[in-house]
N, C-alpha and C. Protein backbone atom coordinates (compact mmCIF):
# COMPACT_ATOMS: atom_id res chain seq x y z
N MET A 1 17.13 26.05 -15.43
CA MET A 1 16.04 25.45 -16.18
C MET A 1 15.38 26.52 -17.05
N ASN A 2 15.11 26.13 -18.28
CA ASN A 2 14.44 27.09 -19.16
C ASN A 2 12.92 26.98 -19.01
N ASN A 3 12.22 27.90 -19.66
CA ASN A 3 10.75 27.96 -19.53
C ASN A 3 10.06 26.71 -20.04
N LYS A 4 10.59 26.13 -21.10
CA LYS A 4 9.96 24.92 -21.65
C LYS A 4 10.03 23.76 -20.66
N THR A 5 11.16 23.62 -19.98
CA THR A 5 11.33 22.55 -19.00
C THR A 5 10.39 22.75 -17.82
N VAL A 6 10.30 23.99 -17.34
CA VAL A 6 9.40 24.30 -16.23
C VAL A 6 7.95 24.03 -16.63
N LYS A 7 7.57 24.43 -17.83
CA LYS A 7 6.20 24.19 -18.33
C LYS A 7 5.94 22.70 -18.44
N LEU A 8 6.90 21.94 -18.96
CA LEU A 8 6.74 20.49 -19.09
C LEU A 8 6.55 19.84 -17.72
N ILE A 9 7.35 20.21 -16.75
CA ILE A 9 7.23 19.65 -15.40
C ILE A 9 5.87 20.02 -14.80
N GLY A 10 5.45 21.26 -14.98
CA GLY A 10 4.14 21.69 -14.49
C GLY A 10 3.02 20.91 -15.14
N ASP A 11 3.12 20.71 -16.46
CA ASP A 11 2.08 19.95 -17.18
C ASP A 11 2.02 18.51 -16.69
N VAL A 12 3.17 17.88 -16.52
CA VAL A 12 3.21 16.49 -16.06
C VAL A 12 2.58 16.38 -14.67
N LEU A 13 2.95 17.28 -13.76
CA LEU A 13 2.38 17.25 -12.41
C LEU A 13 0.87 17.50 -12.42
N PHE A 14 0.44 18.44 -13.24
CA PHE A 14 -0.98 18.77 -13.34
C PHE A 14 -1.78 17.57 -13.83
N TYR A 15 -1.33 16.95 -14.92
CA TYR A 15 -2.08 15.82 -15.47
C TYR A 15 -1.96 14.57 -14.60
N ALA A 16 -0.85 14.43 -13.88
CA ALA A 16 -0.73 13.32 -12.93
C ALA A 16 -1.74 13.49 -11.79
N LEU A 17 -1.91 14.73 -11.34
CA LEU A 17 -2.89 15.01 -10.30
C LEU A 17 -4.31 14.73 -10.80
N LEU A 18 -4.60 15.14 -12.03
CA LEU A 18 -5.92 14.85 -12.61
C LEU A 18 -6.16 13.35 -12.72
N LEU A 19 -5.15 12.59 -13.14
CA LEU A 19 -5.26 11.14 -13.24
C LEU A 19 -5.51 10.52 -11.86
N LEU A 20 -4.79 10.99 -10.85
CA LEU A 20 -4.97 10.50 -9.49
C LEU A 20 -6.39 10.78 -9.00
N LEU A 21 -6.89 11.98 -9.25
CA LEU A 21 -8.26 12.31 -8.85
C LEU A 21 -9.27 11.43 -9.57
N ALA A 22 -9.04 11.15 -10.85
CA ALA A 22 -9.95 10.28 -11.60
C ALA A 22 -9.95 8.87 -11.03
N ILE A 23 -8.78 8.35 -10.68
CA ILE A 23 -8.68 7.01 -10.09
C ILE A 23 -9.41 6.96 -8.75
N ILE A 24 -9.21 7.99 -7.93
CA ILE A 24 -9.89 8.06 -6.63
C ILE A 24 -11.41 8.07 -6.83
N LEU A 25 -11.87 8.88 -7.77
CA LEU A 25 -13.30 8.96 -8.04
C LEU A 25 -13.85 7.61 -8.51
N LEU A 26 -13.13 6.94 -9.42
CA LEU A 26 -13.57 5.65 -9.93
C LEU A 26 -13.60 4.58 -8.83
N CYS A 27 -12.66 4.65 -7.90
CA CYS A 27 -12.68 3.71 -6.77
C CYS A 27 -13.88 3.98 -5.88
N GLN A 28 -14.16 5.23 -5.61
CA GLN A 28 -15.24 5.56 -4.69
C GLN A 28 -16.62 5.24 -5.25
N VAL A 29 -16.79 5.30 -6.57
CA VAL A 29 -18.10 4.99 -7.14
C VAL A 29 -18.25 3.52 -7.49
N GLY A 30 -17.22 2.72 -7.24
CA GLY A 30 -17.34 1.28 -7.39
C GLY A 30 -16.86 0.71 -8.72
N VAL A 31 -16.20 1.50 -9.55
CA VAL A 31 -15.68 0.97 -10.82
C VAL A 31 -14.54 0.00 -10.55
N PHE A 32 -13.65 0.36 -9.62
CA PHE A 32 -12.56 -0.52 -9.21
C PHE A 32 -12.94 -1.14 -7.86
N PRO A 33 -12.46 -2.35 -7.55
CA PRO A 33 -12.87 -3.02 -6.30
C PRO A 33 -12.11 -2.54 -5.07
N TYR A 34 -11.75 -1.27 -5.03
CA TYR A 34 -11.03 -0.73 -3.88
C TYR A 34 -11.79 0.47 -3.35
N ARG A 35 -11.65 0.70 -2.06
CA ARG A 35 -12.31 1.85 -1.48
C ARG A 35 -11.37 2.52 -0.49
N MET A 36 -11.40 3.83 -0.48
CA MET A 36 -10.61 4.60 0.46
C MET A 36 -11.51 5.03 1.60
N VAL A 37 -11.07 4.74 2.83
CA VAL A 37 -11.89 5.00 4.01
C VAL A 37 -11.11 5.88 4.98
N TYR A 38 -11.74 6.97 5.38
CA TYR A 38 -11.15 7.86 6.38
C TYR A 38 -11.24 7.18 7.74
N VAL A 39 -10.13 7.11 8.44
CA VAL A 39 -10.09 6.48 9.77
C VAL A 39 -10.53 7.52 10.80
N ARG A 40 -11.67 7.24 11.46
CA ARG A 40 -12.29 8.21 12.37
C ARG A 40 -11.90 8.00 13.84
N SER A 41 -11.29 6.87 14.17
CA SER A 41 -10.93 6.64 15.57
C SER A 41 -9.59 5.93 15.65
N GLY A 42 -9.09 5.86 16.86
CA GLY A 42 -7.80 5.20 17.08
C GLY A 42 -7.94 3.76 17.54
N SER A 43 -9.08 3.13 17.25
CA SER A 43 -9.33 1.78 17.76
C SER A 43 -8.39 0.73 17.18
N MET A 44 -7.73 1.02 16.06
CA MET A 44 -6.81 0.04 15.47
C MET A 44 -5.34 0.46 15.60
N ALA A 45 -5.06 1.45 16.45
CA ALA A 45 -3.66 1.85 16.67
C ALA A 45 -2.92 0.68 17.27
N PRO A 46 -1.71 0.45 16.88
CA PRO A 46 -0.82 1.24 16.04
C PRO A 46 -0.85 0.87 14.55
N VAL A 47 -1.74 -0.03 14.14
CA VAL A 47 -1.79 -0.43 12.72
C VAL A 47 -2.09 0.79 11.86
N PHE A 48 -3.11 1.55 12.25
CA PHE A 48 -3.40 2.84 11.63
C PHE A 48 -4.07 3.72 12.67
N ASN A 49 -4.03 5.03 12.43
CA ASN A 49 -4.47 6.00 13.42
C ASN A 49 -5.55 6.93 12.87
N THR A 50 -6.16 7.68 13.76
CA THR A 50 -7.15 8.68 13.36
C THR A 50 -6.52 9.61 12.33
N GLY A 51 -7.26 9.86 11.25
CA GLY A 51 -6.77 10.76 10.20
C GLY A 51 -6.05 10.05 9.06
N ASP A 52 -5.78 8.75 9.23
CA ASP A 52 -5.15 8.00 8.13
C ASP A 52 -6.20 7.67 7.07
N LEU A 53 -5.74 7.32 5.90
CA LEU A 53 -6.62 6.87 4.82
C LEU A 53 -6.38 5.38 4.64
N ALA A 54 -7.39 4.57 4.93
CA ALA A 54 -7.28 3.12 4.81
C ALA A 54 -7.73 2.69 3.42
N ILE A 55 -6.99 1.81 2.80
CA ILE A 55 -7.34 1.26 1.50
C ILE A 55 -7.87 -0.15 1.73
N VAL A 56 -9.09 -0.40 1.23
CA VAL A 56 -9.77 -1.67 1.46
C VAL A 56 -10.11 -2.31 0.12
N HIS A 57 -9.81 -3.60 -0.01
CA HIS A 57 -10.22 -4.35 -1.20
C HIS A 57 -11.63 -4.86 -0.94
N MET A 58 -12.58 -4.36 -1.72
CA MET A 58 -14.00 -4.71 -1.52
C MET A 58 -14.30 -6.06 -2.19
N ASP A 59 -14.90 -6.97 -1.40
CA ASP A 59 -15.25 -8.29 -1.93
C ASP A 59 -16.32 -8.88 -1.02
N SER A 60 -17.55 -8.89 -1.50
CA SER A 60 -18.66 -9.39 -0.69
C SER A 60 -18.56 -10.89 -0.44
N ASN A 61 -17.74 -11.60 -1.22
CA ASN A 61 -17.56 -13.05 -1.03
C ASN A 61 -16.34 -13.38 -0.18
N TYR A 62 -15.68 -12.37 0.34
CA TYR A 62 -14.46 -12.57 1.12
C TYR A 62 -14.75 -13.32 2.41
N MET A 63 -14.01 -14.37 2.66
CA MET A 63 -14.14 -15.17 3.88
C MET A 63 -12.88 -14.95 4.73
N PRO A 64 -12.99 -14.15 5.78
CA PRO A 64 -11.80 -13.81 6.56
C PRO A 64 -11.32 -14.97 7.43
N HIS A 65 -10.06 -14.88 7.78
CA HIS A 65 -9.44 -15.82 8.72
C HIS A 65 -9.13 -15.05 10.00
N ALA A 66 -9.07 -15.74 11.11
CA ALA A 66 -8.76 -15.09 12.38
C ALA A 66 -7.47 -14.29 12.24
N GLY A 67 -7.51 -13.04 12.64
CA GLY A 67 -6.35 -12.16 12.55
C GLY A 67 -6.40 -11.20 11.38
N ASP A 68 -7.24 -11.47 10.36
CA ASP A 68 -7.37 -10.55 9.23
C ASP A 68 -8.01 -9.24 9.69
N ILE A 69 -7.64 -8.16 9.05
CA ILE A 69 -8.28 -6.87 9.32
C ILE A 69 -9.31 -6.66 8.23
N ILE A 70 -10.57 -6.49 8.65
CA ILE A 70 -11.68 -6.44 7.70
C ILE A 70 -12.49 -5.15 7.87
N MET A 71 -13.28 -4.83 6.84
CA MET A 71 -14.24 -3.74 6.94
C MET A 71 -15.64 -4.35 6.93
N PHE A 72 -16.49 -3.84 7.80
CA PHE A 72 -17.88 -4.27 7.86
C PHE A 72 -18.73 -3.05 8.22
N SER A 73 -20.03 -3.18 8.06
CA SER A 73 -20.94 -2.09 8.44
C SER A 73 -21.58 -2.39 9.78
N GLU A 74 -21.63 -1.37 10.61
CA GLU A 74 -22.27 -1.49 11.91
C GLU A 74 -23.09 -0.23 12.14
N GLN A 75 -24.39 -0.38 12.23
CA GLN A 75 -25.31 0.73 12.44
C GLN A 75 -25.11 1.84 11.39
N GLY A 76 -24.93 1.42 10.15
CA GLY A 76 -24.81 2.35 9.05
C GLY A 76 -23.44 2.95 8.83
N SER A 77 -22.46 2.61 9.65
CA SER A 77 -21.11 3.13 9.50
C SER A 77 -20.14 2.01 9.14
N ASP A 78 -19.18 2.35 8.30
CA ASP A 78 -18.13 1.37 7.99
C ASP A 78 -17.11 1.35 9.13
N VAL A 79 -16.76 0.13 9.55
CA VAL A 79 -15.82 -0.07 10.65
C VAL A 79 -14.72 -1.00 10.15
N ILE A 80 -13.49 -0.71 10.54
CA ILE A 80 -12.36 -1.59 10.20
C ILE A 80 -11.76 -2.10 11.51
N HIS A 81 -11.91 -3.39 11.74
CA HIS A 81 -11.37 -4.05 12.94
C HIS A 81 -10.77 -5.40 12.56
N ARG A 82 -10.10 -5.99 13.53
CA ARG A 82 -9.50 -7.31 13.33
C ARG A 82 -10.57 -8.39 13.54
N TYR A 83 -10.64 -9.33 12.60
CA TYR A 83 -11.59 -10.44 12.68
C TYR A 83 -11.05 -11.47 13.66
N MET A 84 -11.89 -11.84 14.63
CA MET A 84 -11.47 -12.81 15.64
C MET A 84 -12.07 -14.18 15.39
N GLY A 85 -13.23 -14.23 14.72
CA GLY A 85 -13.87 -15.52 14.44
C GLY A 85 -15.38 -15.41 14.53
N MET A 86 -16.02 -16.58 14.56
CA MET A 86 -17.48 -16.66 14.68
C MET A 86 -17.82 -17.40 15.97
N ASP A 87 -18.94 -17.01 16.57
CA ASP A 87 -19.43 -17.69 17.76
C ASP A 87 -20.95 -17.74 17.69
N ASN A 88 -21.50 -18.94 17.54
CA ASN A 88 -22.95 -19.13 17.41
C ASN A 88 -23.55 -18.26 16.31
N GLY A 89 -22.87 -18.20 15.17
CA GLY A 89 -23.37 -17.45 14.03
C GLY A 89 -23.15 -15.95 14.11
N MET A 90 -22.48 -15.49 15.15
CA MET A 90 -22.20 -14.06 15.29
C MET A 90 -20.72 -13.79 15.05
N MET A 91 -20.45 -12.73 14.28
CA MET A 91 -19.07 -12.37 13.98
C MET A 91 -18.46 -11.62 15.16
N ILE A 92 -17.24 -11.97 15.50
CA ILE A 92 -16.53 -11.30 16.59
C ILE A 92 -15.33 -10.58 15.99
N THR A 93 -15.24 -9.28 16.28
CA THR A 93 -14.11 -8.47 15.83
C THR A 93 -13.57 -7.72 17.04
N LYS A 94 -12.40 -7.11 16.85
CA LYS A 94 -11.82 -6.33 17.95
C LYS A 94 -10.87 -5.29 17.37
N GLY A 95 -10.99 -4.08 17.84
CA GLY A 95 -10.00 -3.06 17.53
C GLY A 95 -8.75 -3.36 18.32
N ASP A 96 -7.58 -3.27 17.70
CA ASP A 96 -6.34 -3.61 18.39
C ASP A 96 -6.13 -2.79 19.67
N ALA A 97 -6.62 -1.54 19.68
CA ALA A 97 -6.44 -0.67 20.85
C ALA A 97 -7.59 -0.79 21.84
N ASN A 98 -8.61 -1.58 21.52
CA ASN A 98 -9.76 -1.74 22.41
C ASN A 98 -9.51 -2.85 23.42
N ASN A 99 -10.16 -2.74 24.58
CA ASN A 99 -10.00 -3.75 25.62
C ASN A 99 -10.85 -4.98 25.38
N ALA A 100 -12.04 -4.78 24.83
CA ALA A 100 -12.98 -5.89 24.68
C ALA A 100 -13.34 -6.10 23.21
N PRO A 101 -13.68 -7.32 22.83
CA PRO A 101 -14.10 -7.58 21.45
C PRO A 101 -15.53 -7.09 21.19
N ASP A 102 -15.87 -6.97 19.91
CA ASP A 102 -17.21 -6.61 19.48
C ASP A 102 -17.92 -7.88 19.03
N VAL A 103 -19.15 -8.08 19.48
CA VAL A 103 -19.95 -9.21 19.00
C VAL A 103 -21.03 -8.62 18.10
N LEU A 104 -21.01 -9.00 16.83
CA LEU A 104 -21.88 -8.39 15.82
C LEU A 104 -22.89 -9.42 15.34
N ARG A 105 -24.15 -9.13 15.51
CA ARG A 105 -25.19 -10.09 15.16
C ARG A 105 -25.44 -10.19 13.67
N GLN A 106 -25.51 -9.07 12.99
CA GLN A 106 -25.94 -9.09 11.60
C GLN A 106 -24.88 -8.55 10.66
N ALA A 107 -23.64 -8.60 11.06
CA ALA A 107 -22.58 -8.04 10.23
C ALA A 107 -21.93 -9.12 9.38
N SER A 108 -21.47 -8.70 8.22
CA SER A 108 -20.68 -9.59 7.37
C SER A 108 -19.58 -8.75 6.74
N PRO A 109 -18.44 -9.35 6.47
CA PRO A 109 -17.32 -8.60 5.92
C PRO A 109 -17.66 -8.01 4.55
N LYS A 110 -17.24 -6.76 4.34
CA LYS A 110 -17.40 -6.11 3.03
C LYS A 110 -16.10 -6.14 2.25
N GLY A 111 -14.98 -6.27 2.97
CA GLY A 111 -13.69 -6.28 2.30
C GLY A 111 -12.56 -6.41 3.28
N GLN A 112 -11.35 -6.51 2.72
CA GLN A 112 -10.15 -6.69 3.53
C GLN A 112 -9.27 -5.46 3.47
N PHE A 113 -8.81 -5.02 4.63
CA PHE A 113 -7.88 -3.91 4.74
C PHE A 113 -6.56 -4.28 4.07
N LEU A 114 -6.03 -3.38 3.23
CA LEU A 114 -4.76 -3.63 2.56
C LEU A 114 -3.62 -2.83 3.19
N PHE A 115 -3.79 -1.52 3.27
CA PHE A 115 -2.76 -0.66 3.86
C PHE A 115 -3.38 0.70 4.17
N SER A 116 -2.62 1.53 4.87
CA SER A 116 -3.11 2.88 5.17
C SER A 116 -2.02 3.88 4.82
N ILE A 117 -2.47 5.11 4.56
CA ILE A 117 -1.56 6.21 4.26
C ILE A 117 -1.75 7.24 5.38
N PRO A 118 -0.69 7.45 6.20
CA PRO A 118 -0.82 8.35 7.34
C PRO A 118 -1.27 9.76 6.95
N PHE A 119 -2.20 10.29 7.72
CA PHE A 119 -2.70 11.67 7.64
C PHE A 119 -3.45 12.02 6.35
N LEU A 120 -3.42 11.19 5.33
CA LEU A 120 -4.07 11.52 4.06
C LEU A 120 -5.59 11.52 4.21
N GLY A 121 -6.11 10.89 5.24
CA GLY A 121 -7.54 10.89 5.49
C GLY A 121 -8.08 12.29 5.72
N TYR A 122 -7.29 13.15 6.35
CA TYR A 122 -7.73 14.53 6.57
C TYR A 122 -7.94 15.25 5.24
N VAL A 123 -7.02 15.02 4.30
CA VAL A 123 -7.15 15.62 2.96
C VAL A 123 -8.37 15.03 2.26
N PHE A 124 -8.55 13.74 2.38
CA PHE A 124 -9.67 13.04 1.75
C PHE A 124 -11.00 13.61 2.23
N VAL A 125 -11.15 13.81 3.53
CA VAL A 125 -12.38 14.36 4.08
C VAL A 125 -12.58 15.80 3.60
N PHE A 126 -11.51 16.58 3.55
CA PHE A 126 -11.61 17.95 3.04
C PHE A 126 -12.13 17.94 1.61
N VAL A 127 -11.59 17.05 0.78
CA VAL A 127 -12.02 16.97 -0.62
C VAL A 127 -13.49 16.55 -0.69
N GLN A 128 -13.88 15.55 0.09
CA GLN A 128 -15.28 15.10 0.07
C GLN A 128 -16.24 16.21 0.48
N ASN A 129 -15.84 17.01 1.44
CA ASN A 129 -16.71 18.08 1.93
C ASN A 129 -16.71 19.31 1.04
N ASN A 130 -15.72 19.44 0.17
CA ASN A 130 -15.59 20.63 -0.66
C ASN A 130 -15.47 20.30 -2.14
N ILE A 131 -16.03 19.17 -2.56
CA ILE A 131 -15.82 18.67 -3.92
C ILE A 131 -16.29 19.66 -4.98
N PHE A 132 -17.41 20.35 -4.76
CA PHE A 132 -17.90 21.30 -5.75
C PHE A 132 -16.86 22.38 -6.03
N TRP A 133 -16.30 22.95 -4.96
CA TRP A 133 -15.34 24.04 -5.13
C TRP A 133 -14.03 23.53 -5.74
N ILE A 134 -13.63 22.34 -5.39
CA ILE A 134 -12.41 21.77 -5.95
C ILE A 134 -12.58 21.54 -7.45
N ILE A 135 -13.74 21.00 -7.86
CA ILE A 135 -14.00 20.79 -9.29
C ILE A 135 -14.02 22.13 -10.03
N MET A 136 -14.63 23.14 -9.42
CA MET A 136 -14.67 24.46 -10.06
C MET A 136 -13.26 25.02 -10.23
N ILE A 137 -12.42 24.89 -9.23
CA ILE A 137 -11.04 25.39 -9.32
C ILE A 137 -10.28 24.64 -10.41
N ILE A 138 -10.44 23.31 -10.47
CA ILE A 138 -9.76 22.52 -11.49
C ILE A 138 -10.22 22.95 -12.88
N LEU A 139 -11.52 23.15 -13.07
CA LEU A 139 -12.03 23.58 -14.38
C LEU A 139 -11.49 24.96 -14.75
N ILE A 140 -11.42 25.87 -13.80
CA ILE A 140 -10.88 27.19 -14.08
C ILE A 140 -9.40 27.10 -14.45
N VAL A 141 -8.65 26.27 -13.73
CA VAL A 141 -7.22 26.10 -14.04
C VAL A 141 -7.05 25.51 -15.44
N ILE A 142 -7.87 24.53 -15.80
CA ILE A 142 -7.79 23.94 -17.15
C ILE A 142 -8.11 24.99 -18.20
N LEU A 143 -9.18 25.78 -17.98
CA LEU A 143 -9.55 26.83 -18.92
C LEU A 143 -8.44 27.86 -19.06
N LEU A 144 -7.88 28.30 -17.95
CA LEU A 144 -6.78 29.27 -18.01
C LEU A 144 -5.57 28.69 -18.72
N ASP A 145 -5.28 27.41 -18.48
CA ASP A 145 -4.17 26.76 -19.17
C ASP A 145 -4.41 26.72 -20.67
N LEU A 146 -5.63 26.39 -21.07
CA LEU A 146 -5.96 26.36 -22.50
C LEU A 146 -5.86 27.75 -23.11
N LEU A 147 -6.37 28.74 -22.41
CA LEU A 147 -6.29 30.11 -22.92
C LEU A 147 -4.84 30.58 -23.01
N HIS A 148 -4.07 30.27 -22.00
CA HIS A 148 -2.66 30.68 -21.97
C HIS A 148 -1.84 30.00 -23.07
N SER A 149 -2.16 28.77 -23.37
CA SER A 149 -1.39 28.04 -24.38
C SER A 149 -1.88 28.32 -25.80
N ASN A 150 -2.90 29.18 -25.94
CA ASN A 150 -3.45 29.57 -27.24
C ASN A 150 -4.07 28.40 -28.00
N LYS A 151 -4.50 27.37 -27.30
CA LYS A 151 -5.12 26.23 -27.97
C LYS A 151 -6.58 26.50 -28.31
N VAL A 152 -7.24 27.34 -27.53
CA VAL A 152 -8.65 27.62 -27.77
C VAL A 152 -8.83 28.92 -28.53
N PHE A 153 -8.26 30.00 -27.99
CA PHE A 153 -8.36 31.31 -28.62
C PHE A 153 -6.96 31.84 -28.90
N PRO A 154 -6.55 31.86 -30.14
CA PRO A 154 -5.18 32.29 -30.46
C PRO A 154 -5.04 33.81 -30.39
N PHE A 155 -5.13 34.38 -29.15
CA PHE A 155 -5.06 35.82 -28.96
C PHE A 155 -3.71 36.41 -29.37
N ASN A 156 -2.66 35.67 -29.13
CA ASN A 156 -1.31 36.24 -29.31
C ASN A 156 -0.72 35.96 -30.68
N LYS A 157 -1.48 35.39 -31.60
CA LYS A 157 -0.93 35.10 -32.93
C LYS A 157 -0.56 36.41 -33.61
N GLY A 158 0.64 36.46 -34.10
CA GLY A 158 1.07 37.60 -34.89
C GLY A 158 1.52 38.78 -34.05
N LYS A 159 1.37 38.75 -32.71
CA LYS A 159 1.81 39.86 -31.88
C LYS A 159 3.28 39.72 -31.60
N GLN A 160 3.94 40.83 -31.51
CA GLN A 160 5.38 40.87 -31.21
C GLN A 160 5.55 41.37 -29.79
N GLY A 161 6.60 40.90 -29.14
CA GLY A 161 6.94 41.43 -27.82
C GLY A 161 6.01 40.93 -26.74
N GLY A 162 6.09 41.59 -25.57
CA GLY A 162 5.34 41.09 -24.45
C GLY A 162 4.40 42.09 -23.96
């Protein structure tokens, strides 16, 4: 492979990563109706496990059916469990790995679980906890790329050799 091919592959990967980060950011701030949720417990094993990244379609008007996997808030935390039904106006859910169901007085579904990506939740949490440094590194890489490609400051114009 020549240098131009390697540079092209590097550029494509770099901009694909930037696009992916932009999509993730737009999902998290509510521009798209999807949310990525870090799985903190094994209550839904084997459907998904601790450390997975769950993708949820957010819809406040969603009416679940028995057996659907839903996300709801409980004591300020987002929880993803299987919807079992309603009983006297209270929502009943259950984690697949749990022995007993949950009876929730004031909960309502926020969205429906779509799929999970194994282990990616660990990366997601790392990014959330270190977002400032990640943004700084990305900006430095972009600046170095611009400087190296002579798009901003044409330092190497007219120079011969290396």
